Amino acid sequence: MRPLELRIVIEWDKFQLGASMFIPCLNRRAMQKFIEKETQRLKMTIICKRVIENGLYGLRVWRVEDTIET
């Protein structure tokens, strides 16, 4: 991802169940759509909220479960 030419690397394979991450961005709606599309492709279920943390606009993303059954 490159919001405002700032490169953000998300290591999806290390995003564990119950974990959350903050992604700084100004266009939160577009970033949320991108994150939702990517996590659907990876078969992850997330909750994504538009937030302001420490004065920065962004998204808080929680991984809540896998959508594939084992």
PDB file of N, CA and C in Angstrom:
ATOM      1  N   MET A   1       0.842  -1.183   0.000  1.00  0.00           N
ATOM      2  CA  MET A   1       0.000   0.000   0.000  1.00  0.00           C
ATOM      3  C   MET A   1       0.881   1.238   0.000  1.00  0.00           C
ATOM      4  N   ARG A   2       0.376   2.311  -0.576  1.00  0.00           N
ATOM      5  CA  ARG A   2       1.117   3.559  -0.597  1.00  0.00           C
ATOM      6  C   ARG A   2       0.175   4.748  -0.393  1.00  0.00           C
ATOM      7  N   PRO A   3      -0.435   4.895   0.778  1.00  0.00           N
ATOM      8  CA  PRO A   3      -1.252   6.091   1.011  1.00  0.00           C
ATOM      9  C   PRO A   3      -0.343   7.304   1.104  1.00  0.00           C
ATOM     10  N   LEU A   4      -0.615   8.310   0.287  1.00  0.00           N
ATOM     11  CA  LEU A   4       0.190   9.536   0.241  1.00  0.00           C
ATOM     12  C   LEU A   4       1.665   9.237   0.046  1.00  0.00           C
ATOM     13  N   GLU A   5       1.948   8.201  -0.758  1.00  0.00           N
ATOM     14  CA  GLU A   5       3.315   7.791  -1.052  1.00  0.00           C
ATOM     15  C   GLU A   5       4.086   7.291   0.163  1.00  0.00           C
ATOM     16  N   LEU A   6       3.404   7.026   1.257  1.00  0.00           N
ATOM     17  CA  LEU A   6       4.014   6.408   2.429  1.00  0.00           C
ATOM     18  C   LEU A   6       3.793   4.909   2.292  1.00  0.00           C
ATOM     19  N   ARG A   7       4.862   4.162   2.212  1.00  0.00           N
ATOM     20  CA  ARG A   7       4.746   2.710   2.021  1.00  0.00           C
ATOM     21  C   ARG A   7       4.407   2.049   3.354  1.00  0.00           C
ATOM     22  N   ILE A   8       3.344   1.257   3.344  1.00  0.00           N
ATOM     23  CA  ILE A   8       2.932   0.513   4.528  1.00  0.00           C
ATOM     24  C   ILE A   8       2.952  -0.968   4.171  1.00  0.00           C
ATOM     25  N   VAL A   9       3.692  -1.743   4.946  1.00  0.00           N
ATOM     26  CA  VAL A   9       3.783  -3.181   4.709  1.00  0.00           C
ATOM     27  C   VAL A   9       3.022  -3.892   5.820  1.00  0.00           C
ATOM     28  N   ILE A  10       2.075  -4.708   5.430  1.00  0.00           N
ATOM     29  CA  ILE A  10       1.316  -5.490   6.402  1.00  0.00           C
ATOM     30  C   ILE A  10       1.695  -6.950   6.208  1.00  0.00           C
ATOM     31  N   GLU A  11       2.229  -7.540   7.245  1.00  0.00           N
ATOM     32  CA  GLU A  11       2.598  -8.948   7.190  1.00  0.00           C
ATOM     33  C   GLU A  11       1.388  -9.765   7.634  1.00  0.00           C
ATOM     34  N   TRP A  12       0.518 -10.056   6.663  1.00  0.00           N
ATOM     35  CA  TRP A  12      -0.745 -10.718   6.958  1.00  0.00           C
ATOM     36  C   TRP A  12      -0.544 -12.067   7.640  1.00  0.00           C
ATOM     37  N   ASP A  13       0.531 -12.773   7.308  1.00  0.00           N
ATOM     38  CA  ASP A  13       0.772 -14.082   7.897  1.00  0.00           C
ATOM     39  C   ASP A  13       1.087 -13.985   9.392  1.00  0.00           C
ATOM     40  N   LYS A  14       1.431 -12.802   9.875  1.00  0.00           N
ATOM     41  CA  LYS A  14       1.724 -12.610  11.301  1.00  0.00           C
ATOM     42  C   LYS A  14       0.560 -11.953  12.052  1.00  0.00           C
ATOM     43  N   PHE A  15      -0.512 -11.647  11.333  1.00  0.00           N
ATOM     44  CA  PHE A  15      -1.687 -10.997  11.947  1.00  0.00           C
ATOM     45  C   PHE A  15      -2.541 -12.076  12.603  1.00  0.00           C
ATOM     46  N   GLN A  16      -2.355 -12.273  13.892  1.00  0.00           N
ATOM     47  CA  GLN A  16      -2.976 -13.372  14.616  1.00  0.00           C
ATOM     48  C   GLN A  16      -4.396 -13.043  15.066  1.00  0.00           C
ATOM     49  N   LEU A  17      -5.169 -14.103  15.315  1.00  0.00           N
ATOM     50  CA  LEU A  17      -6.523 -13.937  15.843  1.00  0.00           C
ATOM     51  C   LEU A  17      -6.472 -13.141  17.146  1.00  0.00           C
ATOM     52  N   GLY A  18      -7.368 -12.198  17.297  1.00  0.00           N
ATOM     53  CA  GLY A  18      -7.444 -11.383  18.510  1.00  0.00           C
ATOM     54  C   GLY A  18      -6.542 -10.172  18.485  1.00  0.00           C
ATOM     55  N   ALA A  19      -5.656 -10.089  17.505  1.00  0.00           N
ATOM     56  CA  ALA A  19      -4.738  -8.955  17.415  1.00  0.00           C
ATOM     57  C   ALA A  19      -5.410  -7.788  16.690  1.00  0.00           C
ATOM     58  N   SER A  20      -4.856  -6.592  16.884  1.00  0.00           N
ATOM     59  CA  SER A  20      -5.326  -5.434  16.139  1.00  0.00           C
ATOM     60  C   SER A  20      -4.123  -4.632  15.673  1.00  0.00           C
ATOM     61  N   MET A  21      -4.361  -3.784  14.677  1.00  0.00           N
ATOM     62  CA  MET A  21      -3.303  -2.897  14.196  1.00  0.00           C
ATOM     63  C   MET A  21      -3.912  -1.566  13.810  1.00  0.00           C
ATOM     64  N   PHE A  22      -3.090  -0.535  13.912  1.00  0.00           N
ATOM     65  CA  PHE A  22      -3.479   0.807  13.499  1.00  0.00           C
ATOM     66  C   PHE A  22      -2.778   1.103  12.185  1.00  0.00           C
ATOM     67  N   ILE A  23      -3.548   1.546  11.188  1.00  0.00           N
ATOM     68  CA  ILE A  23      -2.995   1.913   9.893  1.00  0.00           C
ATOM     69  C   ILE A  23      -3.252   3.403   9.698  1.00  0.00           C
ATOM     70  N   PRO A  24      -2.210   4.230   9.730  1.00  0.00           N
ATOM     71  CA  PRO A  24      -2.408   5.664   9.531  1.00  0.00           C
ATOM     72  C   PRO A  24      -2.773   5.961   8.081  1.00  0.00           C
ATOM     73  N   CYS A  25      -3.803   6.787   7.873  1.00  0.00           N
ATOM     74  CA  CYS A  25      -4.202   7.170   6.519  1.00  0.00           C
ATOM     75  C   CYS A  25      -5.208   8.310   6.606  1.00  0.00           C
ATOM     76  N   LEU A  26      -5.279   9.101   5.561  1.00  0.00           N
ATOM     77  CA  LEU A  26      -6.260  10.185   5.493  1.00  0.00           C
ATOM     78  C   LEU A  26      -7.529   9.735   4.784  1.00  0.00           C
ATOM     79  N   ASN A  27      -7.381   9.003   3.696  1.00  0.00           N
ATOM     80  CA  ASN A  27      -8.546   8.510   2.962  1.00  0.00           C
ATOM     81  C   ASN A  27      -8.955   7.164   3.562  1.00  0.00           C
ATOM     82  N   ARG A  28      -9.595   7.255   4.712  1.00  0.00           N
ATOM     83  CA  ARG A  28      -9.920   6.044   5.464  1.00  0.00           C
ATOM     84  C   ARG A  28     -10.928   5.157   4.753  1.00  0.00           C
ATOM     85  N   ARG A  29     -11.837   5.757   4.030  1.00  0.00           N
ATOM     86  CA  ARG A  29     -12.843   4.968   3.314  1.00  0.00           C
ATOM     87  C   ARG A  29     -12.196   4.091   2.243  1.00  0.00           C
ATOM     88  N   ALA A  30     -11.301   4.667   1.452  1.00  0.00           N
ATOM     89  CA  ALA A  30     -10.618   3.904   0.404  1.00  0.00           C
ATOM     90  C   ALA A  30      -9.717   2.833   1.013  1.00  0.00           C
ATOM     91  N   MET A  31      -9.022   3.180   2.085  1.00  0.00           N
ATOM     92  CA  MET A  31      -8.144   2.209   2.739  1.00  0.00           C
ATOM     93  C   MET A  31      -8.963   1.072   3.332  1.00  0.00           C
ATOM     94  N   GLN A  32     -10.118   1.388   3.912  1.00  0.00           N
ATOM     95  CA  GLN A  32     -10.967   0.349   4.488  1.00  0.00           C
ATOM     96  C   GLN A  32     -11.430  -0.614   3.401  1.00  0.00           C
ATOM     97  N   LYS A  33     -11.825  -0.098   2.254  1.00  0.00           N
ATOM     98  CA  LYS A  33     -12.244  -0.971   1.147  1.00  0.00           C
ATOM     99  C   LYS A  33     -11.103  -1.879   0.716  1.00  0.00           C
ATOM    100  N   PHE A  34      -9.888  -1.318   0.631  1.00  0.00           N
ATOM    101  CA  PHE A  34      -8.734  -2.116   0.241  1.00  0.00           C
ATOM    102  C   PHE A  34      -8.472  -3.219   1.267  1.00  0.00           C
ATOM    103  N   ILE A  35      -8.481  -2.878   2.543  1.00  0.00           N
ATOM    104  CA  ILE A  35      -8.227  -3.844   3.620  1.00  0.00           C
ATOM    105  C   ILE A  35      -9.300  -4.935   3.611  1.00  0.00           C
ATOM    106  N   GLU A  36     -10.560  -4.555   3.455  1.00  0.00           N
ATOM    107  CA  GLU A  36     -11.637  -5.539   3.439  1.00  0.00           C
ATOM    108  C   GLU A  36     -11.503  -6.494   2.256  1.00  0.00           C
ATOM    109  N   LYS A  37     -11.139  -5.972   1.093  1.00  0.00           N
ATOM    110  CA  LYS A  37     -10.965  -6.828  -0.082  1.00  0.00           C
ATOM    111  C   LYS A  37      -9.797  -7.799   0.130  1.00  0.00           C
ATOM    112  N   GLU A  38      -8.698  -7.293   0.674  1.00  0.00           N
ATOM    113  CA  GLU A  38      -7.518  -8.134   0.888  1.00  0.00           C
ATOM    114  C   GLU A  38      -7.797  -9.224   1.925  1.00  0.00           C
ATOM    115  N   THR A  39      -8.482  -8.889   3.017  1.00  0.00           N
ATOM    116  CA  THR A  39      -8.751  -9.893   4.049  1.00  0.00           C
ATOM    117  C   THR A  39      -9.786 -10.914   3.576  1.00  0.00           C
ATOM    118  N   GLN A  40     -10.705 -10.518   2.710  1.00  0.00           N
ATOM    119  CA  GLN A  40     -11.624 -11.499   2.119  1.00  0.00           C
ATOM    120  C   GLN A  40     -10.849 -12.485   1.264  1.00  0.00           C
ATOM    121  N   ARG A  41      -9.899 -11.977   0.485  1.00  0.00           N
ATOM    122  CA  ARG A  41      -9.069 -12.848  -0.354  1.00  0.00           C
ATOM    123  C   ARG A  41      -8.294 -13.843   0.504  1.00  0.00           C
ATOM    124  N   LEU A  42      -7.846 -13.385   1.684  1.00  0.00           N
ATOM    125  CA  LEU A  42      -7.065 -14.236   2.589  1.00  0.00           C
ATOM    126  C   LEU A  42      -7.950 -15.068   3.523  1.00  0.00           C
ATOM    127  N   LYS A  43      -9.258 -14.917   3.378  1.00  0.00           N
ATOM    128  CA  LYS A  43     -10.236 -15.645   4.197  1.00  0.00           C
ATOM    129  C   LYS A  43     -10.094 -15.329   5.685  1.00  0.00           C
ATOM    130  N   MET A  44      -9.911 -14.041   5.985  1.00  0.00           N
ATOM    131  CA  MET A  44      -9.863 -13.557   7.368  1.00  0.00           C
ATOM    132  C   MET A  44     -11.118 -12.739   7.636  1.00  0.00           C
ATOM    133  N   THR A  45     -11.615 -12.822   8.853  1.00  0.00           N
ATOM    134  CA  THR A  45     -12.722 -11.976   9.253  1.00  0.00           C
ATOM    135  C   THR A  45     -12.164 -10.881  10.152  1.00  0.00           C
ATOM    136  N   ILE A  46     -12.513  -9.638   9.825  1.00  0.00           N
ATOM    137  CA  ILE A  46     -11.993  -8.500  10.575  1.00  0.00           C
ATOM    138  C   ILE A  46     -13.119  -7.572  11.002  1.00  0.00           C
ATOM    139  N   ILE A  47     -12.795  -6.715  11.933  1.00  0.00           N
ATOM    140  CA  ILE A  47     -13.615  -5.550  12.261  1.00  0.00           C
ATOM    141  C   ILE A  47     -12.719  -4.363  11.992  1.00  0.00           C
ATOM    142  N   CYS A  48     -13.229  -3.394  11.260  1.00  0.00           N
ATOM    143  CA  CYS A  48     -12.431  -2.245  10.860  1.00  0.00           C
ATOM    144  C   CYS A  48     -13.166  -0.968  11.273  1.00  0.00           C
ATOM    145  N   LYS A  49     -12.513  -0.108  12.035  1.00  0.00           N
ATOM    146  CA  LYS A  49     -13.117   1.144  12.501  1.00  0.00           C
ATOM    147  C   LYS A  49     -12.247   2.316  12.092  1.00  0.00           C
ATOM    148  N   ARG A  50     -12.887   3.386  11.659  1.00  0.00           N
ATOM    149  CA  ARG A  50     -12.169   4.629  11.364  1.00  0.00           C
ATOM    150  C   ARG A  50     -11.961   5.359  12.678  1.00  0.00           C
ATOM    151  N   VAL A  51     -10.703   5.687  12.980  1.00  0.00           N
ATOM    152  CA  VAL A  51     -10.372   6.251  14.297  1.00  0.00           C
ATOM    153  C   VAL A  51      -9.366   7.390  14.165  1.00  0.00           C
ATOM    154  N   ILE A  52      -9.179   8.089  15.281  1.00  0.00           N
ATOM    155  CA  ILE A  52      -8.089   9.038  15.454  1.00  0.00           C
ATOM    156  C   ILE A  52      -7.332   8.570  16.680  1.00  0.00           C
ATOM    157  N   GLU A  53      -6.052   8.252  16.508  1.00  0.00           N
ATOM    158  CA  GLU A  53      -5.228   7.786  17.621  1.00  0.00           C
ATOM    159  C   GLU A  53      -3.980   8.656  17.706  1.00  0.00           C
ATOM    160  N   ASN A  54      -3.737   9.188  18.884  1.00  0.00           N
ATOM    161  CA  ASN A  54      -2.578  10.070  19.094  1.00  0.00           C
ATOM    162  C   ASN A  54      -2.530  11.192  18.062  1.00  0.00           C
ATOM    163  N   GLY A  55      -3.700  11.714  17.706  1.00  0.00           N
ATOM    164  CA  GLY A  55      -3.784  12.814  16.755  1.00  0.00           C
ATOM    165  C   GLY A  55      -3.643  12.417  15.295  1.00  0.00           C
ATOM    166  N   LEU A  56      -3.573  11.131  14.999  1.00  0.00           N
ATOM    167  CA  LEU A  56      -3.436  10.650  13.623  1.00  0.00           C
ATOM    168  C   LEU A  56      -4.724   9.990  13.150  1.00  0.00           C
ATOM    169  N   TYR A  57      -5.165  10.354  11.950  1.00  0.00           N
ATOM    170  CA  TYR A  57      -6.313   9.694  11.339  1.00  0.00           C
ATOM    171  C   TYR A  57      -5.868   8.338  10.805  1.00  0.00           C
ATOM    172  N   GLY A  58      -6.754   7.367  10.914  1.00  0.00           N
ATOM    173  CA  GLY A  58      -6.421   6.060  10.386  1.00  0.00           C
ATOM    174  C   GLY A  58      -7.504   5.037  10.637  1.00  0.00           C
ATOM    175  N   LEU A  59      -7.118   3.779  10.522  1.00  0.00           N
ATOM    176  CA  LEU A  59      -8.013   2.653  10.747  1.00  0.00           C
ATOM    177  C   LEU A  59      -7.456   1.773  11.856  1.00  0.00           C
ATOM    178  N   ARG A  60      -8.333   1.262  12.677  1.00  0.00           N
ATOM    179  CA  ARG A  60      -7.970   0.216  13.637  1.00  0.00           C
ATOM    180  C   ARG A  60      -8.625  -1.042  13.107  1.00  0.00           C
ATOM    181  N   VAL A  61      -7.827  -2.081  12.890  1.00  0.00           N
ATOM    182  CA  VAL A  61      -8.307  -3.334  12.313  1.00  0.00           C
ATOM    183  C   VAL A  61      -8.053  -4.454  13.314  1.00  0.00           C
ATOM    184  N   TRP A  62      -9.115  -5.204  13.643  1.00  0.00           N
ATOM    185  CA  TRP A  62      -9.020  -6.364  14.534  1.00  0.00           C
ATOM    186  C   TRP A  62      -9.260  -7.615  13.723  1.00  0.00           C
ATOM    187  N   ARG A  63      -8.455  -8.633  13.948  1.00  0.00           N
ATOM    188  CA  ARG A  63      -8.719  -9.933  13.320  1.00  0.00           C
ATOM    189  C   ARG A  63      -9.537 -10.745  14.311  1.00  0.00           C
ATOM    190  N   VAL A  64     -10.738 -11.133  13.900  1.00  0.00           N
ATOM    191  CA  VAL A  64     -11.640 -11.787  14.847  1.00  0.00           C
ATOM    192  C   VAL A  64     -11.815 -13.274  14.609  1.00  0.00           C
ATOM    193  N   GLU A  65     -11.624 -13.756  13.382  1.00  0.00           N
ATOM    194  CA  GLU A  65     -11.708 -15.190  13.140  1.00  0.00           C
ATOM    195  C   GLU A  65     -11.318 -15.497  11.704  1.00  0.00           C
ATOM    196  N   ASP A  66     -11.072 -16.759  11.435  1.00  0.00           N
ATOM    197  CA  ASP A  66     -10.857 -17.225  10.071  1.00  0.00           C
ATOM    198  C   ASP A  66     -12.192 -17.672   9.524  1.00  0.00           C
ATOM    199  N   THR A  67     -12.385 -17.489   8.236  1.00  0.00           N
ATOM    200  CA  THR A  67     -13.662 -17.898   7.651  1.00  0.00           C
ATOM    201  C   THR A  67     -13.598 -19.320   7.086  1.00  0.00           C
ATOM    202  N   ILE A  68     -12.413 -19.921   7.044  1.00  0.00           N
ATOM    203  CA  ILE A  68     -12.324 -21.302   6.576  1.00  0.00           C
ATOM    204  C   ILE A  68     -12.453 -22.253   7.760  1.00  0.00           C
ATOM    205  N   GLU A  69     -13.174 -23.315   7.553  1.00  0.00           N
ATOM    206  CA  GLU A  69     -13.341 -24.291   8.607  1.00  0.00           C
ATOM    207  C   GLU A  69     -12.226 -25.331   8.523  1.00  0.00           C
ATOM    208  N   THR A  70     -11.755 -25.784   9.692  1.00  0.00           N
ATOM    209  CA  THR A  70     -10.704 -26.803   9.711  1.00  0.00           C
ATOM    210  C   THR A  70     -11.248 -28.123  10.171  1.00  0.00           C
TER     211      THR A  70
END
